Amino acid sequence: MAENESLDLGQPGGQRWKYVLDAVRKRKSPEEIAHQVKLKLPQALSKAHKEFAESGVPLTEFLNRWLQQGRS
């Protein structure tokens, strides 16, 4: 299974989420938090898709397997 450090807040690639986390910690409005998520989520998903592909595991295959495990 490919790991994806770009989604891990503890890794340098996950630092894109620090603005979202800061907004939550500062008790910003849901609208402000949603705005930060809208800015960062496409970047994170794009990076994850690229990393999975480089690992030889298409993101769609990973998601399909994950969904199948949840149904078992």
PDB file of N, CA and C in Angstrom:
ATOM      1  N   MET A   1       0.849  -1.178   0.000  1.00  0.00           N
ATOM      2  CA  MET A   1       0.000   0.000   0.000  1.00  0.00           C
ATOM      3  C   MET A   1       0.889   1.234   0.000  1.00  0.00           C
ATOM      4  N   ALA A   2       0.600   2.146  -0.857  1.00  0.00           N
ATOM      5  CA  ALA A   2       1.369   3.384  -0.924  1.00  0.00           C
ATOM      6  C   ALA A   2       0.983   4.289   0.240  1.00  0.00           C
ATOM      7  N   GLU A   3       1.997   4.890   0.847  1.00  0.00           N
ATOM      8  CA  GLU A   3       1.726   5.873   1.888  1.00  0.00           C
ATOM      9  C   GLU A   3       1.586   7.221   1.231  1.00  0.00           C
ATOM     10  N   ASN A   4       0.844   8.092   1.855  1.00  0.00           N
ATOM     11  CA  ASN A   4       0.716   9.417   1.286  1.00  0.00           C
ATOM     12  C   ASN A   4       1.016  10.452   2.341  1.00  0.00           C
ATOM     13  N   GLU A   5       2.262  10.899   2.355  1.00  0.00           N
ATOM     14  CA  GLU A   5       2.707  11.856   3.353  1.00  0.00           C
ATOM     15  C   GLU A   5       2.178  13.254   3.083  1.00  0.00           C
ATOM     16  N   SER A   6       1.682  13.502   1.891  1.00  0.00           N
ATOM     17  CA  SER A   6       1.155  14.838   1.589  1.00  0.00           C
ATOM     18  C   SER A   6      -0.147  15.099   2.339  1.00  0.00           C
ATOM     19  N   LEU A   7      -0.757  14.054   2.862  1.00  0.00           N
ATOM     20  CA  LEU A   7      -1.996  14.222   3.619  1.00  0.00           C
ATOM     21  C   LEU A   7      -1.756  14.182   5.120  1.00  0.00           C
ATOM     22  N   ASP A   8      -0.509  13.952   5.539  1.00  0.00           N
ATOM     23  CA  ASP A   8      -0.148  13.830   6.947  1.00  0.00           C
ATOM     24  C   ASP A   8       0.290  15.189   7.473  1.00  0.00           C
ATOM     25  N   LEU A   9      -0.402  15.712   8.477  1.00  0.00           N
ATOM     26  CA  LEU A   9      -0.076  17.031   9.004  1.00  0.00           C
ATOM     27  C   LEU A   9       1.331  17.104   9.577  1.00  0.00           C
ATOM     28  N   GLY A  10       1.866  15.974   9.995  1.00  0.00           N
ATOM     29  CA  GLY A  10       3.198  15.958  10.585  1.00  0.00           C
ATOM     30  C   GLY A  10       4.319  15.996   9.573  1.00  0.00           C
ATOM     31  N   GLN A  11       4.012  15.834   8.314  1.00  0.00           N
ATOM     32  CA  GLN A  11       5.024  15.817   7.254  1.00  0.00           C
ATOM     33  C   GLN A  11       5.044  17.157   6.531  1.00  0.00           C
ATOM     34  N   PRO A  12       6.182  17.503   5.940  1.00  0.00           N
ATOM     35  CA  PRO A  12       6.256  18.781   5.215  1.00  0.00           C
ATOM     36  C   PRO A  12       5.174  18.937   4.147  1.00  0.00           C
ATOM     37  N   GLY A  13       4.837  17.864   3.456  1.00  0.00           N
ATOM     38  CA  GLY A  13       3.799  17.942   2.426  1.00  0.00           C
ATOM     39  C   GLY A  13       2.421  18.203   2.984  1.00  0.00           C
ATOM     40  N   GLY A  14       2.230  17.901   4.250  1.00  0.00           N
ATOM     41  CA  GLY A  14       0.935  18.118   4.883  1.00  0.00           C
ATOM     42  C   GLY A  14       0.765  19.517   5.441  1.00  0.00           C
ATOM     43  N   GLN A  15       1.810  20.313   5.340  1.00  0.00           N
ATOM     44  CA  GLN A  15       1.753  21.656   5.905  1.00  0.00           C
ATOM     45  C   GLN A  15       0.728  22.549   5.231  1.00  0.00           C
ATOM     46  N   ARG A  16       0.270  22.150   4.041  1.00  0.00           N
ATOM     47  CA  ARG A  16      -0.770  22.946   3.382  1.00  0.00           C
ATOM     48  C   ARG A  16      -2.027  22.995   4.247  1.00  0.00           C
ATOM     49  N   TRP A  17      -2.163  22.036   5.163  1.00  0.00           N
ATOM     50  CA  TRP A  17      -3.349  21.981   6.012  1.00  0.00           C
ATOM     51  C   TRP A  17      -3.222  22.858   7.249  1.00  0.00           C
ATOM     52  N   LYS A  18      -2.039  23.455   7.481  1.00  0.00           N
ATOM     53  CA  LYS A  18      -1.864  24.227   8.713  1.00  0.00           C
ATOM     54  C   LYS A  18      -2.819  25.411   8.779  1.00  0.00           C
ATOM     55  N   TYR A  19      -3.168  25.990   7.628  1.00  0.00           N
ATOM     56  CA  TYR A  19      -4.101  27.117   7.628  1.00  0.00           C
ATOM     57  C   TYR A  19      -5.500  26.677   8.055  1.00  0.00           C
ATOM     58  N   VAL A  20      -5.884  25.494   7.627  1.00  0.00           N
ATOM     59  CA  VAL A  20      -7.187  24.949   8.025  1.00  0.00           C
ATOM     60  C   VAL A  20      -7.171  24.655   9.523  1.00  0.00           C
ATOM     61  N   LEU A  21      -6.112  23.983   9.977  1.00  0.00           N
ATOM     62  CA  LEU A  21      -5.996  23.644  11.398  1.00  0.00           C
ATOM     63  C   LEU A  21      -5.964  24.907  12.254  1.00  0.00           C
ATOM     64  N   ASP A  22      -5.227  25.912  11.814  1.00  0.00           N
ATOM     65  CA  ASP A  22      -5.177  27.178  12.558  1.00  0.00           C
ATOM     66  C   ASP A  22      -6.553  27.824  12.635  1.00  0.00           C
ATOM     67  N   ALA A  23      -7.301  27.777  11.544  1.00  0.00           N
ATOM     68  CA  ALA A  23      -8.646  28.360  11.543  1.00  0.00           C
ATOM     69  C   ALA A  23      -9.549  27.641  12.544  1.00  0.00           C
ATOM     70  N   VAL A  24      -9.411  26.325  12.626  1.00  0.00           N
ATOM     71  CA  VAL A  24     -10.213  25.553  13.590  1.00  0.00           C
ATOM     72  C   VAL A  24      -9.784  25.898  15.012  1.00  0.00           C
ATOM     73  N   ARG A  25      -8.483  25.919  15.248  1.00  0.00           N
ATOM     74  CA  ARG A  25      -7.980  26.233  16.599  1.00  0.00           C
ATOM     75  C   ARG A  25      -8.397  27.625  17.061  1.00  0.00           C
ATOM     76  N   LYS A  26      -8.452  28.557  16.119  1.00  0.00           N
ATOM     77  CA  LYS A  26      -8.821  29.936  16.454  1.00  0.00           C
ATOM     78  C   LYS A  26     -10.332  30.141  16.472  1.00  0.00           C
ATOM     79  N   ARG A  27     -11.066  29.041  16.311  1.00  0.00           N
ATOM     80  CA  ARG A  27     -12.526  29.065  16.337  1.00  0.00           C
ATOM     81  C   ARG A  27     -13.106  30.048  15.325  1.00  0.00           C
ATOM     82  N   LYS A  28     -12.520  30.010  14.121  1.00  0.00           N
ATOM     83  CA  LYS A  28     -13.039  30.838  13.036  1.00  0.00           C
ATOM     84  C   LYS A  28     -14.413  30.323  12.637  1.00  0.00           C
ATOM     85  N   SER A  29     -15.105  31.111  11.885  1.00  0.00           N
ATOM     86  CA  SER A  29     -16.456  30.729  11.464  1.00  0.00           C
ATOM     87  C   SER A  29     -16.382  29.521  10.521  1.00  0.00           C
ATOM     88  N   PRO A  30     -17.458  28.737  10.484  1.00  0.00           N
ATOM     89  CA  PRO A  30     -17.488  27.607   9.544  1.00  0.00           C
ATOM     90  C   PRO A  30     -17.243  28.052   8.101  1.00  0.00           C
ATOM     91  N   GLU A  31     -17.700  29.246   7.755  1.00  0.00           N
ATOM     92  CA  GLU A  31     -17.491  29.748   6.405  1.00  0.00           C
ATOM     93  C   GLU A  31     -16.006  29.974   6.119  1.00  0.00           C
ATOM     94  N   GLU A  32     -15.277  30.512   7.105  1.00  0.00           N
ATOM     95  CA  GLU A  32     -13.848  30.744   6.926  1.00  0.00           C
ATOM     96  C   GLU A  32     -13.084  29.421   6.832  1.00  0.00           C
ATOM     97  N   ILE A  33     -13.476  28.464   7.661  1.00  0.00           N
ATOM     98  CA  ILE A  33     -12.832  27.145   7.617  1.00  0.00           C
ATOM     99  C   ILE A  33     -13.121  26.478   6.275  1.00  0.00           C
ATOM    100  N   ALA A  34     -14.367  26.544   5.833  1.00  0.00           N
ATOM    101  CA  ALA A  34     -14.741  25.951   4.544  1.00  0.00           C
ATOM    102  C   ALA A  34     -13.957  26.591   3.410  1.00  0.00           C
ATOM    103  N   HIS A  35     -13.747  27.885   3.489  1.00  0.00           N
ATOM    104  CA  HIS A  35     -12.977  28.579   2.457  1.00  0.00           C
ATOM    105  C   HIS A  35     -11.551  28.031   2.399  1.00  0.00           C
ATOM    106  N   GLN A  36     -10.931  27.843   3.557  1.00  0.00           N
ATOM    107  CA  GLN A  36      -9.573  27.298   3.600  1.00  0.00           C
ATOM    108  C   GLN A  36      -9.535  25.875   3.041  1.00  0.00           C
ATOM    109  N   VAL A  37     -10.535  25.077   3.389  1.00  0.00           N
ATOM    110  CA  VAL A  37     -10.593  23.706   2.878  1.00  0.00           C
ATOM    111  C   VAL A  37     -10.748  23.721   1.357  1.00  0.00           C
ATOM    112  N   LYS A  38     -11.611  24.588   0.852  1.00  0.00           N
ATOM    113  CA  LYS A  38     -11.807  24.684  -0.605  1.00  0.00           C
ATOM    114  C   LYS A  38     -10.519  25.058  -1.324  1.00  0.00           C
ATOM    115  N   LEU A  39      -9.684  25.853  -0.676  1.00  0.00           N
ATOM    116  CA  LEU A  39      -8.409  26.233  -1.283  1.00  0.00           C
ATOM    117  C   LEU A  39      -7.400  25.092  -1.256  1.00  0.00           C
ATOM    118  N   LYS A  40      -7.389  24.332  -0.179  1.00  0.00           N
ATOM    119  CA  LYS A  40      -6.333  23.346   0.042  1.00  0.00           C
ATOM    120  C   LYS A  40      -6.669  21.944  -0.444  1.00  0.00           C
ATOM    121  N   LEU A  41      -7.929  21.565  -0.419  1.00  0.00           N
ATOM    122  CA  LEU A  41      -8.303  20.202  -0.788  1.00  0.00           C
ATOM    123  C   LEU A  41      -7.919  19.836  -2.219  1.00  0.00           C
ATOM    124  N   PRO A  42      -8.180  20.672  -3.208  1.00  0.00           N
ATOM    125  CA  PRO A  42      -7.773  20.287  -4.568  1.00  0.00           C
ATOM    126  C   PRO A  42      -6.271  20.067  -4.692  1.00  0.00           C
ATOM    127  N   GLN A  43      -5.476  20.889  -4.008  1.00  0.00           N
ATOM    128  CA  GLN A  43      -4.023  20.719  -4.037  1.00  0.00           C
ATOM    129  C   GLN A  43      -3.621  19.383  -3.420  1.00  0.00           C
ATOM    130  N   ALA A  44      -4.219  19.059  -2.290  1.00  0.00           N
ATOM    131  CA  ALA A  44      -3.885  17.815  -1.600  1.00  0.00           C
ATOM    132  C   ALA A  44      -4.286  16.598  -2.427  1.00  0.00           C
ATOM    133  N   LEU A  45      -5.467  16.642  -3.017  1.00  0.00           N
ATOM    134  CA  LEU A  45      -5.925  15.511  -3.823  1.00  0.00           C
ATOM    135  C   LEU A  45      -5.080  15.344  -5.079  1.00  0.00           C
ATOM    136  N   SER A  46      -4.687  16.441  -5.672  1.00  0.00           N
ATOM    137  CA  SER A  46      -3.827  16.379  -6.851  1.00  0.00           C
ATOM    138  C   SER A  46      -2.485  15.741  -6.495  1.00  0.00           C
ATOM    139  N   LYS A  47      -1.920  16.161  -5.378  1.00  0.00           N
ATOM    140  CA  LYS A  47      -0.646  15.607  -4.923  1.00  0.00           C
ATOM    141  C   LYS A  47      -0.799  14.121  -4.585  1.00  0.00           C
ATOM    142  N   ALA A  48      -1.869  13.755  -3.920  1.00  0.00           N
ATOM    143  CA  ALA A  48      -2.101  12.351  -3.572  1.00  0.00           C
ATOM    144  C   ALA A  48      -2.244  11.513  -4.840  1.00  0.00           C
ATOM    145  N   HIS A  49      -3.003  12.017  -5.798  1.00  0.00           N
ATOM    146  CA  HIS A  49      -3.202  11.291  -7.061  1.00  0.00           C
ATOM    147  C   HIS A  49      -1.858  11.044  -7.743  1.00  0.00           C
ATOM    148  N   LYS A  50      -1.026  12.065  -7.780  1.00  0.00           N
ATOM    149  CA  LYS A  50       0.293  11.953  -8.402  1.00  0.00           C
ATOM    150  C   LYS A  50       1.166  10.934  -7.665  1.00  0.00           C
ATOM    151  N   GLU A  51       1.168  10.981  -6.335  1.00  0.00           N
ATOM    152  CA  GLU A  51       1.998  10.065  -5.550  1.00  0.00           C
ATOM    153  C   GLU A  51       1.528   8.616  -5.693  1.00  0.00           C
ATOM    154  N   PHE A  52       0.221   8.400  -5.712  1.00  0.00           N
ATOM    155  CA  PHE A  52      -0.280   7.039  -5.910  1.00  0.00           C
ATOM    156  C   PHE A  52       0.125   6.532  -7.289  1.00  0.00           C
ATOM    157  N   ALA A  53      -0.013   7.366  -8.309  1.00  0.00           N
ATOM    158  CA  ALA A  53       0.353   6.956  -9.669  1.00  0.00           C
ATOM    159  C   ALA A  53       1.838   6.630  -9.757  1.00  0.00           C
ATOM    160  N   GLU A  54       2.672   7.438  -9.113  1.00  0.00           N
ATOM    161  CA  GLU A  54       4.117   7.179  -9.119  1.00  0.00           C
ATOM    162  C   GLU A  54       4.455   5.871  -8.408  1.00  0.00           C
ATOM    163  N   SER A  55       3.609   5.473  -7.473  1.00  0.00           N
ATOM    164  CA  SER A  55       3.815   4.221  -6.738  1.00  0.00           C
ATOM    165  C   SER A  55       3.248   3.024  -7.480  1.00  0.00           C
ATOM    166  N   GLY A  56       2.601   3.280  -8.613  1.00  0.00           N
ATOM    167  CA  GLY A  56       2.019   2.202  -9.395  1.00  0.00           C
ATOM    168  C   GLY A  56       0.643   1.776  -8.927  1.00  0.00           C
ATOM    169  N   VAL A  57       0.036   2.576  -8.062  1.00  0.00           N
ATOM    170  CA  VAL A  57      -1.302   2.270  -7.564  1.00  0.00           C
ATOM    171  C   VAL A  57      -2.214   3.429  -7.963  1.00  0.00           C
ATOM    172  N   PRO A  58      -3.059   3.233  -8.954  1.00  0.00           N
ATOM    173  CA  PRO A  58      -3.985   4.310  -9.315  1.00  0.00           C
ATOM    174  C   PRO A  58      -4.891   4.657  -8.132  1.00  0.00           C
ATOM    175  N   LEU A  59      -5.140   5.923  -7.944  1.00  0.00           N
ATOM    176  CA  LEU A  59      -5.975   6.362  -6.835  1.00  0.00           C
ATOM    177  C   LEU A  59      -7.350   5.701  -6.887  1.00  0.00           C
ATOM    178  N   THR A  60      -7.885   5.530  -8.085  1.00  0.00           N
ATOM    179  CA  THR A  60      -9.206   4.888  -8.203  1.00  0.00           C
ATOM    180  C   THR A  60      -9.161   3.455  -7.680  1.00  0.00           C
ATOM    181  N   GLU A  61      -8.064   2.737  -7.942  1.00  0.00           N
ATOM    182  CA  GLU A  61      -7.931   1.365  -7.433  1.00  0.00           C
ATOM    183  C   GLU A  61      -7.870   1.365  -5.911  1.00  0.00           C
ATOM    184  N   PHE A  62      -7.100   2.278  -5.347  1.00  0.00           N
ATOM    185  CA  PHE A  62      -7.005   2.392  -3.899  1.00  0.00           C
ATOM    186  C   PHE A  62      -8.374   2.658  -3.279  1.00  0.00           C
ATOM    187  N   LEU A  63      -9.100   3.620  -3.844  1.00  0.00           N
ATOM    188  CA  LEU A  63     -10.416   3.963  -3.315  1.00  0.00           C
ATOM    189  C   LEU A  63     -11.401   2.805  -3.450  1.00  0.00           C
ATOM    190  N   ASN A  64     -11.368   2.113  -4.582  1.00  0.00           N
ATOM    191  CA  ASN A  64     -12.261   0.961  -4.763  1.00  0.00           C
ATOM    192  C   ASN A  64     -11.994  -0.123  -3.724  1.00  0.00           C
ATOM    193  N   ARG A  65     -10.721  -0.404  -3.481  1.00  0.00           N
ATOM    194  CA  ARG A  65     -10.376  -1.417  -2.463  1.00  0.00           C
ATOM    195  C   ARG A  65     -10.794  -0.967  -1.079  1.00  0.00           C
ATOM    196  N   TRP A  66     -10.590   0.307  -0.793  1.00  0.00           N
ATOM    197  CA  TRP A  66     -10.970   0.852   0.515  1.00  0.00           C
ATOM    198  C   TRP A  66     -12.481   0.739   0.705  1.00  0.00           C
ATOM    199  N   LEU A  67     -13.242   1.061  -0.338  1.00  0.00           N
ATOM    200  CA  LEU A  67     -14.698   0.964  -0.245  1.00  0.00           C
ATOM    201  C   LEU A  67     -15.138  -0.501  -0.076  1.00  0.00           C
ATOM    202  N   GLN A  68     -14.483  -1.428  -0.758  1.00  0.00           N
ATOM    203  CA  GLN A  68     -14.830  -2.833  -0.633  1.00  0.00           C
ATOM    204  C   GLN A  68     -14.554  -3.349   0.775  1.00  0.00           C
ATOM    205  N   GLN A  69     -13.499  -2.887   1.399  1.00  0.00           N
ATOM    206  CA  GLN A  69     -13.182  -3.305   2.766  1.00  0.00           C
ATOM    207  C   GLN A  69     -14.253  -2.840   3.736  1.00  0.00           C
ATOM    208  N   GLY A  70     -14.782  -1.653   3.500  1.00  0.00           N
ATOM    209  CA  GLY A  70     -15.817  -1.107   4.367  1.00  0.00           C
ATOM    210  C   GLY A  70     -17.129  -1.863   4.269  1.00  0.00           C
ATOM    211  N   ARG A  71     -17.328  -2.552   3.170  1.00  0.00           N
ATOM    212  CA  ARG A  71     -18.581  -3.299   2.960  1.00  0.00           C
ATOM    213  C   ARG A  71     -18.498  -4.725   3.500  1.00  0.00           C
ATOM    214  N   SER A  72     -17.281  -5.170   3.805  1.00  0.00           N
ATOM    215  CA  SER A  72     -17.121  -6.553   4.269  1.00  0.00           C
ATOM    216  C   SER A  72     -17.526  -6.700   5.709  1.00  0.00           C
TER     217      SER A  72
END
